[in-house]
Structures are given as C-alpha cells and as structure tokens.
C-alpha cells in the first residue's frame, strides 16, 4: 500500500501593484460619493423637518403641536 500525501496547492501569484492601486482608487471614489449622498440626504431631511413657520405650522408640522389639533393623538 502506498500512502502518499496530497501535495499542497501552489500559492496564488502576487497581485499586480498597478491593479491594486487602481482598485484602491476606485474604493476611495466610491466612499467619497457615498459620503456626499449621505450628507445631501441629511440636509434635505433637516430642511424638510424645519420647514413650517406661520399661522398653521403647529397643525401642519411633523408631529409638533398635534395635541392642539387633536387631544387624543
């Protein structure tokens, strides 16, 4: 009986430094775009919630003053 061990697979080739640099650059661009989009949506949300000044702002605001409109809410 022959008991031979299976050979280990060869190690993967070293990645090309140019390809690594390009991938890293793409990742940085993607994260920058995500940060811009998050900031933009946050700004829109804040401006939407702050809106409402005037005579009917308590009733039409986002939850602020609903007790004045309906005492059961």
PDB file of N, CA and C in Angstrom:
ATOM      1  N   UNK A   1       0.819  -1.167   0.000  1.00  0.00           N
ATOM      2  CA  UNK A   1       0.000   0.000   0.000  1.00  0.00           C
ATOM      3  C   UNK A   1       0.873   1.243   0.000  1.00  0.00           C
ATOM      4  N   UNK A   2       0.426   2.097  -0.804  1.00  0.00           N
ATOM      5  CA  UNK A   2       1.185   3.325  -0.972  1.00  0.00           C
ATOM      6  C   UNK A   2       0.450   4.454  -0.242  1.00  0.00           C
ATOM      7  N   UNK A   3       1.109   5.090   0.684  1.00  0.00           N
ATOM      8  CA  UNK A   3       0.480   6.191   1.417  1.00  0.00           C
ATOM      9  C   UNK A   3       1.211   7.492   1.099  1.00  0.00           C
ATOM     10  N   UNK A   4       0.755   8.115   0.101  1.00  0.00           N
ATOM     11  CA  UNK A   4       1.378   9.382  -0.270  1.00  0.00           C
ATOM     12  C   UNK A   4       0.454  10.528   0.133  1.00  0.00           C
ATOM     13  N   UNK A   5       1.031  11.595   0.556  1.00  0.00           N
ATOM     14  CA  UNK A   5       0.252  12.762   0.940  1.00  0.00           C
ATOM     15  C   UNK A   5      -0.059  13.584  -0.310  1.00  0.00           C
ATOM     16  N   UNK A   6      -1.252  14.143  -0.344  1.00  0.00           N
ATOM     17  CA  UNK A   6      -1.539  15.008  -1.489  1.00  0.00           C
ATOM     18  C   UNK A   6      -0.716  16.289  -1.370  1.00  0.00           C
ATOM     19  N   UNK A   7      -0.248  16.733  -2.487  1.00  0.00           N
ATOM     20  CA  UNK A   7       0.577  17.939  -2.475  1.00  0.00           C
ATOM     21  C   UNK A   7      -0.291  19.170  -2.229  1.00  0.00           C
ATOM     22  N   UNK A   8       0.265  20.130  -1.550  1.00  0.00           N
ATOM     23  CA  UNK A   8      -0.454  21.369  -1.262  1.00  0.00           C
ATOM     24  C   UNK A   8      -0.561  22.191  -2.541  1.00  0.00           C
ATOM     25  N   UNK A   9      -1.665  22.908  -2.686  1.00  0.00           N
ATOM     26  CA  UNK A   9      -1.804  23.733  -3.895  1.00  0.00           C
ATOM     27  C   UNK A   9      -0.761  24.842  -3.884  1.00  0.00           C
ATOM     28  N   UNK A  10      -0.324  25.243  -5.039  1.00  0.00           N
ATOM     29  CA  UNK A  10       0.683  26.307  -5.097  1.00  0.00           C
ATOM     30  C   UNK A  10       0.082  27.625  -4.606  1.00  0.00           C
ATOM     31  N   UNK A  11       0.876  28.484  -4.010  1.00  0.00           N
ATOM     32  CA  UNK A  11       0.345  29.766  -3.534  1.00  0.00           C
ATOM     33  C   UNK A  11      -0.107  30.628  -4.711  1.00  0.00           C
ATOM     34  N   UNK A  12      -1.104  31.471  -4.494  1.00  0.00           N
ATOM     35  CA  UNK A  12      -1.582  32.312  -5.596  1.00  0.00           C
ATOM     36  C   UNK A  12      -0.496  33.309  -6.002  1.00  0.00           C
ATOM     37  N   UNK A  13      -0.503  33.698  -7.257  1.00  0.00           N
ATOM     38  CA  UNK A  13       0.512  34.656  -7.714  1.00  0.00           C
ATOM     39  C   UNK A  13       0.316  36.015  -7.031  1.00  0.00           C
ATOM     40  N   UNK A  14       1.392  36.729  -6.905  1.00  0.00           N
ATOM     41  CA  UNK A  14       1.334  38.051  -6.278  1.00  0.00           C
ATOM     42  C   UNK A  14       0.520  39.000  -7.157  1.00  0.00           C
ATOM     43  N   UNK A  15      -0.361  39.798  -6.552  1.00  0.00           N
ATOM     44  CA  UNK A  15      -1.180  40.719  -7.343  1.00  0.00           C
ATOM     45  C   UNK A  15      -0.330  41.839  -7.940  1.00  0.00           C
ATOM     46  N   UNK A  16      -0.795  42.304  -9.075  1.00  0.00           N
ATOM     47  CA  UNK A  16      -0.096  43.370  -9.779  1.00  0.00           C
ATOM     48  C   UNK A  16      -0.269  44.677  -9.002  1.00  0.00           C
ATOM     49  N   UNK A  17       0.802  45.393  -8.711  1.00  0.00           N
ATOM     50  CA  UNK A  17       0.676  46.640  -7.937  1.00  0.00           C
ATOM     51  C   UNK A  17      -0.167  47.700  -8.636  1.00  0.00           C
ATOM     52  N   UNK A  18      -0.141  47.730  -9.946  1.00  0.00           N
ATOM     53  CA  UNK A  18      -0.950  48.709 -10.687  1.00  0.00           C
ATOM     54  C   UNK A  18      -2.435  48.425 -10.504  1.00  0.00           C
ATOM     55  N   UNK A  19      -2.800  47.151 -10.555  1.00  0.00           N
ATOM     56  CA  UNK A  19      -4.198  46.762 -10.394  1.00  0.00           C
ATOM     57  C   UNK A  19      -4.647  47.072  -8.966  1.00  0.00           C
ATOM     58  N   UNK A  20      -3.804  46.797  -7.994  1.00  0.00           N
ATOM     59  CA  UNK A  20      -4.146  47.102  -6.606  1.00  0.00           C
ATOM     60  C   UNK A  20      -4.362  48.598  -6.406  1.00  0.00           C
ATOM     61  N   UNK A  21      -3.494  49.409  -6.990  1.00  0.00           N
ATOM     62  CA  UNK A  21      -3.610  50.863  -6.859  1.00  0.00           C
ATOM     63  C   UNK A  21      -4.912  51.354  -7.498  1.00  0.00           C
ATOM     64  N   UNK A  22      -5.252  50.799  -8.644  1.00  0.00           N
ATOM     65  CA  UNK A  22      -6.469  51.201  -9.335  1.00  0.00           C
ATOM     66  C   UNK A  22      -7.702  50.806  -8.510  1.00  0.00           C
ATOM     67  N   UNK A  23      -7.696  49.606  -7.938  1.00  0.00           N
ATOM     68  CA  UNK A  23      -8.823  49.167  -7.127  1.00  0.00           C
ATOM     69  C   UNK A  23      -8.966  50.040  -5.880  1.00  0.00           C
ATOM     70  N   UNK A  24      -7.858  50.389  -5.258  1.00  0.00           N
ATOM     71  CA  UNK A  24      -7.894  51.244  -4.074  1.00  0.00           C
ATOM     72  C   UNK A  24      -8.455  52.622  -4.415  1.00  0.00           C
ATOM     73  N   UNK A  25      -8.064  53.152  -5.560  1.00  0.00           N
ATOM     74  CA  UNK A  25      -8.567  54.453  -6.006  1.00  0.00           C
ATOM     75  C   UNK A  25     -10.074  54.403  -6.235  1.00  0.00           C
ATOM     76  N   UNK A  26     -10.556  53.313  -6.835  1.00  0.00           N
ATOM     77  CA  UNK A  26     -11.985  53.165  -7.080  1.00  0.00           C
ATOM     78  C   UNK A  26     -12.753  53.075  -5.765  1.00  0.00           C
ATOM     79  N   UNK A  27     -12.183  52.378  -4.782  1.00  0.00           N
ATOM     80  CA  UNK A  27     -12.836  52.277  -3.482  1.00  0.00           C
ATOM     81  C   UNK A  27     -12.934  53.643  -2.822  1.00  0.00           C
ATOM     82  N   UNK A  28     -11.875  54.434  -2.909  1.00  0.00           N
ATOM     83  CA  UNK A  28     -11.886  55.763  -2.308  1.00  0.00           C
ATOM     84  C   UNK A  28     -12.916  56.666  -2.981  1.00  0.00           C
ATOM     85  N   UNK A  29     -13.022  56.575  -4.306  1.00  0.00           N
ATOM     86  CA  UNK A  29     -14.018  57.371  -5.026  1.00  0.00           C
ATOM     87  C   UNK A  29     -15.427  56.967  -4.626  1.00  0.00           C
ATOM     88  N   UNK A  30     -15.646  55.664  -4.477  1.00  0.00           N
ATOM     89  CA  UNK A  30     -16.972  55.182  -4.103  1.00  0.00           C
ATOM     90  C   UNK A  30     -17.346  55.653  -2.699  1.00  0.00           C
ATOM     91  N   UNK A  31     -16.404  55.604  -1.764  1.00  0.00           N
ATOM     92  CA  UNK A  31     -16.711  56.059  -0.411  1.00  0.00           C
ATOM     93  C   UNK A  31     -16.941  57.562  -0.384  1.00  0.00           C
ATOM     94  N   UNK A  32     -16.217  58.313  -1.198  1.00  0.00           N
ATOM     95  CA  UNK A  32     -16.434  59.766  -1.256  1.00  0.00           C
ATOM     96  C   UNK A  32     -17.827  60.074  -1.794  1.00  0.00           C
ATOM     97  N   UNK A  33     -18.256  59.333  -2.811  1.00  0.00           N
ATOM     98  CA  UNK A  33     -19.587  59.545  -3.368  1.00  0.00           C
ATOM     99  C   UNK A  33     -20.664  59.192  -2.348  1.00  0.00           C
ATOM    100  N   UNK A  34     -20.457  58.110  -1.592  1.00  0.00           N
ATOM    101  CA  UNK A  34     -21.428  57.726  -0.572  1.00  0.00           C
ATOM    102  C   UNK A  34     -21.539  58.801   0.502  1.00  0.00           C
ATOM    103  N   UNK A  35     -20.409  59.361   0.909  1.00  0.00           N
ATOM    104  CA  UNK A  35     -20.433  60.410   1.929  1.00  0.00           C
ATOM    105  C   UNK A  35     -21.187  61.630   1.426  1.00  0.00           C
ATOM    106  N   UNK A  36     -20.977  61.993   0.159  1.00  0.00           N
ATOM    107  CA  UNK A  36     -21.681  63.139  -0.415  1.00  0.00           C
ATOM    108  C   UNK A  36     -23.186  62.898  -0.447  1.00  0.00           C
ATOM    109  N   UNK A  37     -23.582  61.701  -0.846  1.00  0.00           N
ATOM    110  CA  UNK A  37     -25.008  61.388  -0.926  1.00  0.00           C
ATOM    111  C   UNK A  37     -25.640  61.389   0.462  1.00  0.00           C
ATOM    112  N   UNK A  38     -24.946  60.855   1.464  1.00  0.00           N
ATOM    113  CA  UNK A  38     -25.479  60.842   2.822  1.00  0.00           C
ATOM    114  C   UNK A  38     -25.647  62.268   3.341  1.00  0.00           C
ATOM    115  N   UNK A  39     -24.656  63.110   3.092  1.00  0.00           N
ATOM    116  CA  UNK A  39     -24.734  64.495   3.542  1.00  0.00           C
ATOM    117  C   UNK A  39     -25.885  65.220   2.848  1.00  0.00           C
ATOM    118  N   UNK A  40     -26.062  64.943   1.572  1.00  0.00           N
ATOM    119  CA  UNK A  40     -27.125  65.593   0.808  1.00  0.00           C
ATOM    120  C   UNK A  40     -28.499  65.182   1.332  1.00  0.00           C
ATOM    121  N   UNK A  41     -28.703  63.884   1.570  1.00  0.00           N
ATOM    122  CA  UNK A  41     -29.998  63.426   2.063  1.00  0.00           C
ATOM    123  C   UNK A  41     -30.256  63.927   3.479  1.00  0.00           C
ATOM    124  N   UNK A  42     -29.207  63.996   4.295  1.00  0.00           N
ATOM    125  CA  UNK A  42     -29.374  64.525   5.641  1.00  0.00           C
ATOM    126  C   UNK A  42     -29.795  65.987   5.597  1.00  0.00           C
ATOM    127  N   UNK A  43     -29.164  66.749   4.714  1.00  0.00           N
ATOM    128  CA  UNK A  43     -29.504  68.161   4.582  1.00  0.00           C
ATOM    129  C   UNK A  43     -30.946  68.330   4.106  1.00  0.00           C
ATOM    130  N   UNK A  44     -31.376  67.506   3.169  1.00  0.00           N
ATOM    131  CA  UNK A  44     -32.755  67.590   2.684  1.00  0.00           C
ATOM    132  C   UNK A  44     -33.742  67.236   3.789  1.00  0.00           C
ATOM    133  N   UNK A  45     -33.415  66.215   4.584  1.00  0.00           N
ATOM    134  CA  UNK A  45     -34.300  65.799   5.665  1.00  0.00           C
ATOM    135  C   UNK A  45     -34.428  66.894   6.714  1.00  0.00           C
ATOM    136  N   UNK A  46     -33.314  67.490   7.072  1.00  0.00           N
ATOM    137  CA  UNK A  46     -33.342  68.548   8.077  1.00  0.00           C
ATOM    138  C   UNK A  46     -34.132  69.744   7.568  1.00  0.00           C
ATOM    139  N   UNK A  47     -33.924  70.115   6.317  1.00  0.00           N
ATOM    140  CA  UNK A  47     -34.651  71.270   5.785  1.00  0.00           C
ATOM    141  C   UNK A  47     -36.148  70.977   5.700  1.00  0.00           C
ATOM    142  N   UNK A  48     -36.514  69.737   5.431  1.00  0.00           N
ATOM    143  CA  UNK A  48     -37.923  69.373   5.354  1.00  0.00           C
ATOM    144  C   UNK A  48     -38.572  69.418   6.744  1.00  0.00           C
ATOM    145  N   UNK A  49     -37.843  68.956   7.759  1.00  0.00           N
ATOM    146  CA  UNK A  49     -38.403  68.950   9.110  1.00  0.00           C
ATOM    147  C   UNK A  49     -38.478  70.348   9.706  1.00  0.00           C
ATOM    148  N   UNK A  50     -37.560  71.214   9.350  1.00  0.00           N
ATOM    149  CA  UNK A  50     -37.548  72.563   9.893  1.00  0.00           C
ATOM    150  C   UNK A  50     -38.603  73.451   9.259  1.00  0.00           C
ATOM    151  N   UNK A  51     -39.045  73.089   8.093  1.00  0.00           N
ATOM    152  CA  UNK A  51     -40.000  73.923   7.378  1.00  0.00           C
ATOM    153  C   UNK A  51     -41.282  74.098   8.168  1.00  0.00           C
ATOM    154  N   UNK A  52     -41.890  75.236   8.033  1.00  0.00           N
ATOM    155  CA  UNK A  52     -43.154  75.470   8.703  1.00  0.00           C
ATOM    156  C   UNK A  52     -43.034  76.573   9.717  1.00  0.00           C
ATOM    157  N   UNK A  53     -43.312  77.737   9.287  1.00  0.00           N
ATOM    158  CA  UNK A  53     -43.399  78.837  10.232  1.00  0.00           C
ATOM    159  C   UNK A  53     -44.579  79.666   9.785  1.00  0.00           C
ATOM    160  N   UNK A  54     -45.394  80.000  10.704  1.00  0.00           N
ATOM    161  CA  UNK A  54     -46.569  80.776  10.358  1.00  0.00           C
ATOM    162  C   UNK A  54     -47.754  80.351  11.185  1.00  0.00           C
ATOM    163  N   UNK A  55     -48.887  80.735  10.714  1.00  0.00           N
ATOM    164  CA  UNK A  55     -50.106  80.557  11.485  1.00  0.00           C
ATOM    165  C   UNK A  55     -50.479  79.092  11.683  1.00  0.00           C
ATOM    166  N   UNK A  56     -50.314  78.263  10.676  1.00  0.00           N
ATOM    167  CA  UNK A  56     -50.749  76.877  10.758  1.00  0.00           C
ATOM    168  C   UNK A  56     -49.595  75.896  10.955  1.00  0.00           C
ATOM    169  N   UNK A  57     -48.429  76.356  11.340  1.00  0.00           N
ATOM    170  CA  UNK A  57     -47.284  75.459  11.433  1.00  0.00           C
ATOM    171  C   UNK A  57     -47.443  74.422  12.532  1.00  0.00           C
ATOM    172  N   UNK A  58     -48.178  74.722  13.609  1.00  0.00           N
ATOM    173  CA  UNK A  58     -48.371  73.740  14.667  1.00  0.00           C
ATOM    174  C   UNK A  58     -49.214  72.571  14.189  1.00  0.00           C
ATOM    175  N   UNK A  59     -50.174  72.833  13.347  1.00  0.00           N
ATOM    176  CA  UNK A  59     -51.053  71.772  12.866  1.00  0.00           C
ATOM    177  C   UNK A  59     -50.409  70.998  11.728  1.00  0.00           C
ATOM    178  N   UNK A  60     -49.761  71.687  10.816  1.00  0.00           N
ATOM    179  CA  UNK A  60     -49.213  71.032   9.632  1.00  0.00           C
ATOM    180  C   UNK A  60     -47.779  70.554   9.798  1.00  0.00           C
ATOM    181  N   UNK A  61     -47.154  70.819  10.907  1.00  0.00           N
ATOM    182  CA  UNK A  61     -45.783  70.388  11.141  1.00  0.00           C
ATOM    183  C   UNK A  61     -45.719  68.879  11.307  1.00  0.00           C
ATOM    184  N   UNK A  62     -44.505  68.356  11.405  1.00  0.00           N
ATOM    185  CA  UNK A  62     -44.339  66.911  11.519  1.00  0.00           C
ATOM    186  C   UNK A  62     -44.459  66.487  12.980  1.00  0.00           C
ATOM    187  N   UNK A  63     -45.679  66.369  13.473  1.00  0.00           N
ATOM    188  CA  UNK A  63     -45.925  65.892  14.826  1.00  0.00           C
ATOM    189  C   UNK A  63     -45.890  66.970  15.880  1.00  0.00           C
ATOM    190  N   UNK A  64     -45.345  68.107  15.593  1.00  0.00           N
ATOM    191  CA  UNK A  64     -45.270  69.164  16.589  1.00  0.00           C
ATOM    192  C   UNK A  64     -46.607  69.845  16.742  1.00  0.00           C
ATOM    193  N   UNK A  65     -47.154  69.819  17.915  1.00  0.00           N
ATOM    194  CA  UNK A  65     -48.404  70.508  18.168  1.00  0.00           C
ATOM    195  C   UNK A  65     -49.637  69.717  17.795  1.00  0.00           C
ATOM    196  N   UNK A  66     -49.534  68.416  17.633  1.00  0.00           N
ATOM    197  CA  UNK A  66     -50.713  67.633  17.278  1.00  0.00           C
ATOM    198  C   UNK A  66     -51.716  67.627  18.429  1.00  0.00           C
ATOM    199  N   UNK A  67     -51.272  67.903  19.638  1.00  0.00           N
ATOM    200  CA  UNK A  67     -52.181  67.995  20.773  1.00  0.00           C
ATOM    201  C   UNK A  67     -53.143  69.162  20.647  1.00  0.00           C
ATOM    202  N   UNK A  68     -52.713  70.201  19.954  1.00  0.00           N
ATOM    203  CA  UNK A  68     -53.600  71.334  19.747  1.00  0.00           C
ATOM    204  C   UNK A  68     -54.694  70.997  18.746  1.00  0.00           C
ATOM    205  N   UNK A  69     -54.376  70.121  17.813  1.00  0.00           N
ATOM    206  CA  UNK A  69     -55.318  69.775  16.750  1.00  0.00           C
ATOM    207  C   UNK A  69     -56.257  68.678  17.217  1.00  0.00           C
ATOM    208  N   UNK A  70     -55.701  67.631  17.850  1.00  0.00           N
ATOM    209  CA  UNK A  70     -56.493  66.505  18.289  1.00  0.00           C
ATOM    210  C   UNK A  70     -55.955  66.053  19.641  1.00  0.00           C
ATOM    211  N   UNK A  71     -56.717  66.193  20.671  1.00  0.00           N
ATOM    212  CA  UNK A  71     -56.228  65.891  22.006  1.00  0.00           C
ATOM    213  C   UNK A  71     -56.012  64.400  22.238  1.00  0.00           C
ATOM    214  N   UNK A  72     -56.509  63.516  21.374  1.00  0.00           N
ATOM    215  CA  UNK A  72     -56.379  62.075  21.569  1.00  0.00           C
ATOM    216  C   UNK A  72     -55.176  61.483  20.862  1.00  0.00           C
ATOM    217  N   UNK A  73     -54.405  62.264  20.132  1.00  0.00           N
ATOM    218  CA  UNK A  73     -53.209  61.748  19.458  1.00  0.00           C
ATOM    219  C   UNK A  73     -51.985  61.944  20.274  1.00  0.00           C
TER     220      UNK A  73
END
